[in-house]
Amino acid sequence: MNQIQTNNPLHGVTLEAILNHLVNYYGWEQLGIRINIRCFNETPSIKSSLVFLRKTAWARKKVEELYLETL
């Protein structure tokens, strides 16, 4: 099991860290263009985005994929 996780670039990276990285890299406006979800486009905040992303698997997957593209 540990061998599988060593090849996973998301292992040990929190959703909050991923979101902070993307906001610093793109900014809210560009992030909202790349992933068109309301929590990025209308009064964006880390807290509200985390709540939404933890509840919505498809959105979290898009955020994780975009994060991996920036690495």
PDB file of N, CA and C in Angstrom:
ATOM      1  N   MET A   1       0.818  -1.190   0.000  1.00  0.00           N
ATOM      2  CA  MET A   1       0.000   0.000   0.000  1.00  0.00           C
ATOM      3  C   MET A   1       0.866   1.259   0.000  1.00  0.00           C
ATOM      4  N   ASN A   2       1.942   1.279   0.761  1.00  0.00           N
ATOM      5  CA  ASN A   2       2.807   2.446   0.796  1.00  0.00           C
ATOM      6  C   ASN A   2       3.433   2.729  -0.562  1.00  0.00           C
ATOM      7  N   GLN A   3       3.705   1.677  -1.324  1.00  0.00           N
ATOM      8  CA  GLN A   3       4.307   1.857  -2.633  1.00  0.00           C
ATOM      9  C   GLN A   3       3.363   2.625  -3.559  1.00  0.00           C
ATOM     10  N   ILE A   4       2.077   2.363  -3.467  1.00  0.00           N
ATOM     11  CA  ILE A   4       1.102   3.067  -4.293  1.00  0.00           C
ATOM     12  C   ILE A   4       1.093   4.548  -3.947  1.00  0.00           C
ATOM     13  N   GLN A   5       1.123   4.871  -2.659  1.00  0.00           N
ATOM     14  CA  GLN A   5       1.053   6.259  -2.222  1.00  0.00           C
ATOM     15  C   GLN A   5       2.324   7.044  -2.549  1.00  0.00           C
ATOM     16  N   THR A   6       3.473   6.398  -2.619  1.00  0.00           N
ATOM     17  CA  THR A   6       4.698   7.133  -2.917  1.00  0.00           C
ATOM     18  C   THR A   6       4.677   7.694  -4.337  1.00  0.00           C
ATOM     19  N   ASN A   7       3.895   7.089  -5.225  1.00  0.00           N
ATOM     20  CA  ASN A   7       3.790   7.585  -6.594  1.00  0.00           C
ATOM     21  C   ASN A   7       2.636   8.566  -6.777  1.00  0.00           C
ATOM     22  N   ASN A   8       1.885   8.823  -5.728  1.00  0.00           N
ATOM     23  CA  ASN A   8       0.738   9.714  -5.791  1.00  0.00           C
ATOM     24  C   ASN A   8       1.180  11.125  -5.403  1.00  0.00           C
ATOM     25  N   PRO A   9       1.211  12.069  -6.352  1.00  0.00           N
ATOM     26  CA  PRO A   9       1.674  13.420  -6.037  1.00  0.00           C
ATOM     27  C   PRO A   9       0.739  14.184  -5.101  1.00  0.00           C
ATOM     28  N   LEU A  10      -0.488  13.710  -4.921  1.00  0.00           N
ATOM     29  CA  LEU A  10      -1.428  14.368  -4.020  1.00  0.00           C
ATOM     30  C   LEU A  10      -1.345  13.839  -2.591  1.00  0.00           C
ATOM     31  N   HIS A  11      -0.596  12.761  -2.389  1.00  0.00           N
ATOM     32  CA  HIS A  11      -0.490  12.168  -1.052  1.00  0.00           C
ATOM     33  C   HIS A  11       0.136  13.158  -0.080  1.00  0.00           C
ATOM     34  N   GLY A  12      -0.577  13.432   1.010  1.00  0.00           N
ATOM     35  CA  GLY A  12      -0.065  14.325   2.045  1.00  0.00           C
ATOM     36  C   GLY A  12      -0.324  15.793   1.781  1.00  0.00           C
ATOM     37  N   VAL A  13      -0.939  16.125   0.666  1.00  0.00           N
ATOM     38  CA  VAL A  13      -1.240  17.516   0.330  1.00  0.00           C
ATOM     39  C   VAL A  13      -2.708  17.769   0.655  1.00  0.00           C
ATOM     40  N   THR A  14      -2.972  18.743   1.498  1.00  0.00           N
ATOM     41  CA  THR A  14      -4.354  19.027   1.879  1.00  0.00           C
ATOM     42  C   THR A  14      -5.075  19.788   0.776  1.00  0.00           C
ATOM     43  N   LEU A  15      -6.386  19.696   0.799  1.00  0.00           N
ATOM     44  CA  LEU A  15      -7.200  20.435  -0.159  1.00  0.00           C
ATOM     45  C   LEU A  15      -6.981  21.938   0.000  1.00  0.00           C
ATOM     46  N   GLU A  16      -6.817  22.379   1.226  1.00  0.00           N
ATOM     47  CA  GLU A  16      -6.566  23.800   1.472  1.00  0.00           C
ATOM     48  C   GLU A  16      -5.240  24.240   0.847  1.00  0.00           C
ATOM     49  N   ALA A  17      -4.212  23.425   0.963  1.00  0.00           N
ATOM     50  CA  ALA A  17      -2.917  23.744   0.366  1.00  0.00           C
ATOM     51  C   ALA A  17      -3.025  23.795  -1.156  1.00  0.00           C
ATOM     52  N   ILE A  18      -3.780  22.872  -1.731  1.00  0.00           N
ATOM     53  CA  ILE A  18      -3.992  22.854  -3.182  1.00  0.00           C
ATOM     54  C   ILE A  18      -4.693  24.130  -3.617  1.00  0.00           C
ATOM     55  N   LEU A  19      -5.747  24.494  -2.908  1.00  0.00           N
ATOM     56  CA  LEU A  19      -6.514  25.686  -3.258  1.00  0.00           C
ATOM     57  C   LEU A  19      -5.681  26.952  -3.101  1.00  0.00           C
ATOM     58  N   ASN A  20      -4.921  27.053  -2.025  1.00  0.00           N
ATOM     59  CA  ASN A  20      -4.046  28.217  -1.834  1.00  0.00           C
ATOM     60  C   ASN A  20      -3.020  28.321  -2.951  1.00  0.00           C
ATOM     61  N   HIS A  21      -2.467  27.189  -3.356  1.00  0.00           N
ATOM     62  CA  HIS A  21      -1.492  27.184  -4.452  1.00  0.00           C
ATOM     63  C   HIS A  21      -2.131  27.715  -5.737  1.00  0.00           C
ATOM     64  N   LEU A  22      -3.332  27.214  -6.049  1.00  0.00           N
ATOM     65  CA  LEU A  22      -4.002  27.625  -7.288  1.00  0.00           C
ATOM     66  C   LEU A  22      -4.389  29.106  -7.260  1.00  0.00           C
ATOM     67  N   VAL A  23      -4.838  29.594  -6.117  1.00  0.00           N
ATOM     68  CA  VAL A  23      -5.196  31.012  -6.007  1.00  0.00           C
ATOM     69  C   VAL A  23      -3.951  31.874  -6.168  1.00  0.00           C
ATOM     70  N   ASN A  24      -2.841  31.465  -5.574  1.00  0.00           N
ATOM     71  CA  ASN A  24      -1.595  32.224  -5.728  1.00  0.00           C
ATOM     72  C   ASN A  24      -1.068  32.155  -7.160  1.00  0.00           C
ATOM     73  N   TYR A  25      -1.255  31.019  -7.799  1.00  0.00           N
ATOM     74  CA  TYR A  25      -0.748  30.809  -9.153  1.00  0.00           C
ATOM     75  C   TYR A  25      -1.594  31.535 -10.204  1.00  0.00           C
ATOM     76  N   TYR A  26      -2.925  31.391 -10.115  1.00  0.00           N
ATOM     77  CA  TYR A  26      -3.828  31.942 -11.130  1.00  0.00           C
ATOM     78  C   TYR A  26      -4.567  33.200 -10.686  1.00  0.00           C
ATOM     79  N   GLY A  27      -4.872  33.297  -9.405  1.00  0.00           N
ATOM     80  CA  GLY A  27      -5.771  34.338  -8.927  1.00  0.00           C
ATOM     81  C   GLY A  27      -7.209  33.845  -9.077  1.00  0.00           C
ATOM     82  N   TRP A  28      -8.124  34.446  -8.325  1.00  0.00           N
ATOM     83  CA  TRP A  28      -9.518  33.990  -8.348  1.00  0.00           C
ATOM     84  C   TRP A  28     -10.155  34.111  -9.727  1.00  0.00           C
ATOM     85  N   GLU A  29      -9.880  35.210 -10.423  1.00  0.00           N
ATOM     86  CA  GLU A  29     -10.532  35.427 -11.723  1.00  0.00           C
ATOM     87  C   GLU A  29     -10.149  34.343 -12.729  1.00  0.00           C
ATOM     88  N   GLN A  30      -8.866  34.075 -12.885  1.00  0.00           N
ATOM     89  CA  GLN A  30      -8.415  33.044 -13.823  1.00  0.00           C
ATOM     90  C   GLN A  30      -8.832  31.647 -13.366  1.00  0.00           C
ATOM     91  N   LEU A  31      -8.838  31.430 -12.068  1.00  0.00           N
ATOM     92  CA  LEU A  31      -9.272  30.140 -11.546  1.00  0.00           C
ATOM     93  C   LEU A  31     -10.751  29.913 -11.880  1.00  0.00           C
ATOM     94  N   GLY A  32     -11.554  30.956 -11.757  1.00  0.00           N
ATOM     95  CA  GLY A  32     -12.975  30.866 -12.103  1.00  0.00           C
ATOM     96  C   GLY A  32     -13.208  30.648 -13.585  1.00  0.00           C
ATOM     97  N   ILE A  33     -12.311  31.130 -14.411  1.00  0.00           N
ATOM     98  CA  ILE A  33     -12.422  30.903 -15.857  1.00  0.00           C
ATOM     99  C   ILE A  33     -12.050  29.456 -16.178  1.00  0.00           C
ATOM    100  N   ARG A  34     -10.993  28.955 -15.558  1.00  0.00           N
ATOM    101  CA  ARG A  34     -10.527  27.595 -15.831  1.00  0.00           C
ATOM    102  C   ARG A  34     -11.472  26.532 -15.266  1.00  0.00           C
ATOM    103  N   ILE A  35     -12.030  26.804 -14.089  1.00  0.00           N
ATOM    104  CA  ILE A  35     -13.007  25.895 -13.474  1.00  0.00           C
ATOM    105  C   ILE A  35     -14.220  26.747 -13.130  1.00  0.00           C
ATOM    106  N   ASN A  36     -15.236  26.680 -13.955  1.00  0.00           N
ATOM    107  CA  ASN A  36     -16.385  27.562 -13.827  1.00  0.00           C
ATOM    108  C   ASN A  36     -17.359  27.054 -12.768  1.00  0.00           C
ATOM    109  N   ILE A  37     -17.060  27.410 -11.513  1.00  0.00           N
ATOM    110  CA  ILE A  37     -17.976  27.107 -10.420  1.00  0.00           C
ATOM    111  C   ILE A  37     -18.202  28.382  -9.611  1.00  0.00           C
ATOM    112  N   ARG A  38     -19.386  28.484  -9.055  1.00  0.00           N
ATOM    113  CA  ARG A  38     -19.818  29.720  -8.405  1.00  0.00           C
ATOM    114  C   ARG A  38     -18.889  30.154  -7.271  1.00  0.00           C
ATOM    115  N   CYS A  39     -18.382  29.217  -6.493  1.00  0.00           N
ATOM    116  CA  CYS A  39     -17.552  29.610  -5.347  1.00  0.00           C
ATOM    117  C   CYS A  39     -16.227  30.251  -5.772  1.00  0.00           C
ATOM    118  N   PHE A  40     -15.850  30.114  -7.042  1.00  0.00           N
ATOM    119  CA  PHE A  40     -14.662  30.803  -7.555  1.00  0.00           C
ATOM    120  C   PHE A  40     -15.009  32.124  -8.226  1.00  0.00           C
ATOM    121  N   ASN A  41     -16.250  32.288  -8.638  1.00  0.00           N
ATOM    122  CA  ASN A  41     -16.642  33.460  -9.428  1.00  0.00           C
ATOM    123  C   ASN A  41     -17.440  34.503  -8.667  1.00  0.00           C
ATOM    124  N   GLU A  42     -18.181  34.105  -7.669  1.00  0.00           N
ATOM    125  CA  GLU A  42     -19.022  35.045  -6.929  1.00  0.00           C
ATOM    126  C   GLU A  42     -18.571  35.108  -5.472  1.00  0.00           C
ATOM    127  N   THR A  43     -17.997  36.221  -5.082  1.00  0.00           N
ATOM    128  CA  THR A  43     -17.475  36.437  -3.737  1.00  0.00           C
ATOM    129  C   THR A  43     -16.607  35.262  -3.279  1.00  0.00           C
ATOM    130  N   PRO A  44     -15.516  35.011  -3.973  1.00  0.00           N
ATOM    131  CA  PRO A  44     -14.689  33.836  -3.651  1.00  0.00           C
ATOM    132  C   PRO A  44     -13.947  33.972  -2.324  1.00  0.00           C
ATOM    133  N   SER A  45     -13.830  32.875  -1.635  1.00  0.00           N
ATOM    134  CA  SER A  45     -13.011  32.809  -0.427  1.00  0.00           C
ATOM    135  C   SER A  45     -12.529  31.366  -0.274  1.00  0.00           C
ATOM    136  N   ILE A  46     -11.451  31.215   0.430  1.00  0.00           N
ATOM    137  CA  ILE A  46     -10.900  29.880   0.666  1.00  0.00           C
ATOM    138  C   ILE A  46     -11.912  29.053   1.454  1.00  0.00           C
ATOM    139  N   LYS A  47     -12.484  29.637   2.495  1.00  0.00           N
ATOM    140  CA  LYS A  47     -13.398  28.904   3.366  1.00  0.00           C
ATOM    141  C   LYS A  47     -14.613  28.384   2.606  1.00  0.00           C
ATOM    142  N   SER A  48     -15.295  29.242   1.846  1.00  0.00           N
ATOM    143  CA  SER A  48     -16.497  28.799   1.134  1.00  0.00           C
ATOM    144  C   SER A  48     -16.144  27.792   0.032  1.00  0.00           C
ATOM    145  N   SER A  49     -15.004  27.970  -0.587  1.00  0.00           N
ATOM    146  CA  SER A  49     -14.578  27.039  -1.630  1.00  0.00           C
ATOM    147  C   SER A  49     -14.274  25.661  -1.045  1.00  0.00           C
ATOM    148  N   LEU A  50     -13.637  25.625   0.123  1.00  0.00           N
ATOM    149  CA  LEU A  50     -13.337  24.353   0.764  1.00  0.00           C
ATOM    150  C   LEU A  50     -14.615  23.599   1.128  1.00  0.00           C
ATOM    151  N   VAL A  51     -15.603  24.318   1.644  1.00  0.00           N
ATOM    152  CA  VAL A  51     -16.875  23.687   1.996  1.00  0.00           C
ATOM    153  C   VAL A  51     -17.490  23.046   0.752  1.00  0.00           C
ATOM    154  N   PHE A  52     -17.528  23.785  -0.347  1.00  0.00           N
ATOM    155  CA  PHE A  52     -18.116  23.266  -1.581  1.00  0.00           C
ATOM    156  C   PHE A  52     -17.312  22.087  -2.127  1.00  0.00           C
ATOM    157  N   LEU A  53     -16.005  22.218  -2.184  1.00  0.00           N
ATOM    158  CA  LEU A  53     -15.165  21.179  -2.775  1.00  0.00           C
ATOM    159  C   LEU A  53     -15.190  19.888  -1.965  1.00  0.00           C
ATOM    160  N   ARG A  54     -15.341  19.999  -0.652  1.00  0.00           N
ATOM    161  CA  ARG A  54     -15.409  18.791   0.177  1.00  0.00           C
ATOM    162  C   ARG A  54     -16.712  18.032  -0.043  1.00  0.00           C
ATOM    163  N   LYS A  55     -17.754  18.731  -0.467  1.00  0.00           N
ATOM    164  CA  LYS A  55     -19.056  18.105  -0.697  1.00  0.00           C
ATOM    165  C   LYS A  55     -19.247  17.639  -2.132  1.00  0.00           C
ATOM    166  N   THR A  56     -18.457  18.155  -3.070  1.00  0.00           N
ATOM    167  CA  THR A  56     -18.703  17.945  -4.489  1.00  0.00           C
ATOM    168  C   THR A  56     -17.496  17.278  -5.140  1.00  0.00           C
ATOM    169  N   ALA A  57     -17.623  15.985  -5.364  1.00  0.00           N
ATOM    170  CA  ALA A  57     -16.488  15.191  -5.853  1.00  0.00           C
ATOM    171  C   ALA A  57     -16.012  15.622  -7.239  1.00  0.00           C
ATOM    172  N   TRP A  58     -16.927  15.922  -8.162  1.00  0.00           N
ATOM    173  CA  TRP A  58     -16.511  16.286  -9.518  1.00  0.00           C
ATOM    174  C   TRP A  58     -15.715  17.595  -9.519  1.00  0.00           C
ATOM    175  N   ALA A  59     -16.097  18.544  -8.670  1.00  0.00           N
ATOM    176  CA  ALA A  59     -15.380  19.818  -8.609  1.00  0.00           C
ATOM    177  C   ALA A  59     -14.003  19.627  -7.974  1.00  0.00           C
ATOM    178  N   ARG A  60     -13.953  18.820  -6.932  1.00  0.00           N
ATOM    179  CA  ARG A  60     -12.665  18.547  -6.297  1.00  0.00           C
ATOM    180  C   ARG A  60     -11.708  17.882  -7.280  1.00  0.00           C
ATOM    181  N   LYS A  61     -12.228  16.957  -8.078  1.00  0.00           N
ATOM    182  CA  LYS A  61     -11.398  16.276  -9.071  1.00  0.00           C
ATOM    183  C   LYS A  61     -10.821  17.279 -10.072  1.00  0.00           C
ATOM    184  N   LYS A  62     -11.634  18.229 -10.525  1.00  0.00           N
ATOM    185  CA  LYS A  62     -11.142  19.250 -11.457  1.00  0.00           C
ATOM    186  C   LYS A  62     -10.064  20.109 -10.818  1.00  0.00           C
ATOM    187  N   VAL A  63     -10.249  20.464  -9.558  1.00  0.00           N
ATOM    188  CA  VAL A  63      -9.249  21.265  -8.839  1.00  0.00           C
ATOM    189  C   VAL A  63      -7.949  20.480  -8.695  1.00  0.00           C
ATOM    190  N   GLU A  64      -8.041  19.212  -8.334  1.00  0.00           N
ATOM    191  CA  GLU A  64      -6.842  18.383  -8.206  1.00  0.00           C
ATOM    192  C   GLU A  64      -6.124  18.223  -9.535  1.00  0.00           C
ATOM    193  N   GLU A  65      -6.878  18.043 -10.624  1.00  0.00           N
ATOM    194  CA  GLU A  65      -6.258  17.911 -11.938  1.00  0.00           C
ATOM    195  C   GLU A  65      -5.550  19.193 -12.353  1.00  0.00           C
ATOM    196  N   LEU A  66      -6.176  20.346 -12.091  1.00  0.00           N
ATOM    197  CA  LEU A  66      -5.531  21.613 -12.417  1.00  0.00           C
ATOM    198  C   LEU A  66      -4.270  21.815 -11.582  1.00  0.00           C
ATOM    199  N   TYR A  67      -4.329  21.427 -10.320  1.00  0.00           N
ATOM    200  CA  TYR A  67      -3.159  21.505  -9.455  1.00  0.00           C
ATOM    201  C   TYR A  67      -1.998  20.688 -10.009  1.00  0.00           C
ATOM    202  N   LEU A  68      -2.292  19.472 -10.442  1.00  0.00           N
ATOM    203  CA  LEU A  68      -1.242  18.611 -11.000  1.00  0.00           C
ATOM    204  C   LEU A  68      -0.645  19.201 -12.273  1.00  0.00           C
ATOM    205  N   GLU A  69      -1.450  19.900 -13.062  1.00  0.00           N
ATOM    206  CA  GLU A  69      -0.930  20.554 -14.267  1.00  0.00           C
ATOM    207  C   GLU A  69       0.050  21.664 -13.937  1.00  0.00           C
ATOM    208  N   THR A  70      -0.113  22.307 -12.772  1.00  0.00           N
ATOM    209  CA  THR A  70       0.759  23.425 -12.425  1.00  0.00           C
ATOM    210  C   THR A  70       2.080  22.992 -11.815  1.00  0.00           C
ATOM    211  N   LEU A  71       2.173  21.700 -11.453  1.00  0.00           N
ATOM    212  CA  LEU A  71       3.419  21.222 -10.831  1.00  0.00           C
ATOM    213  C   LEU A  71       4.505  21.007 -11.860  1.00  0.00           C
TER     214      LEU A  71
END
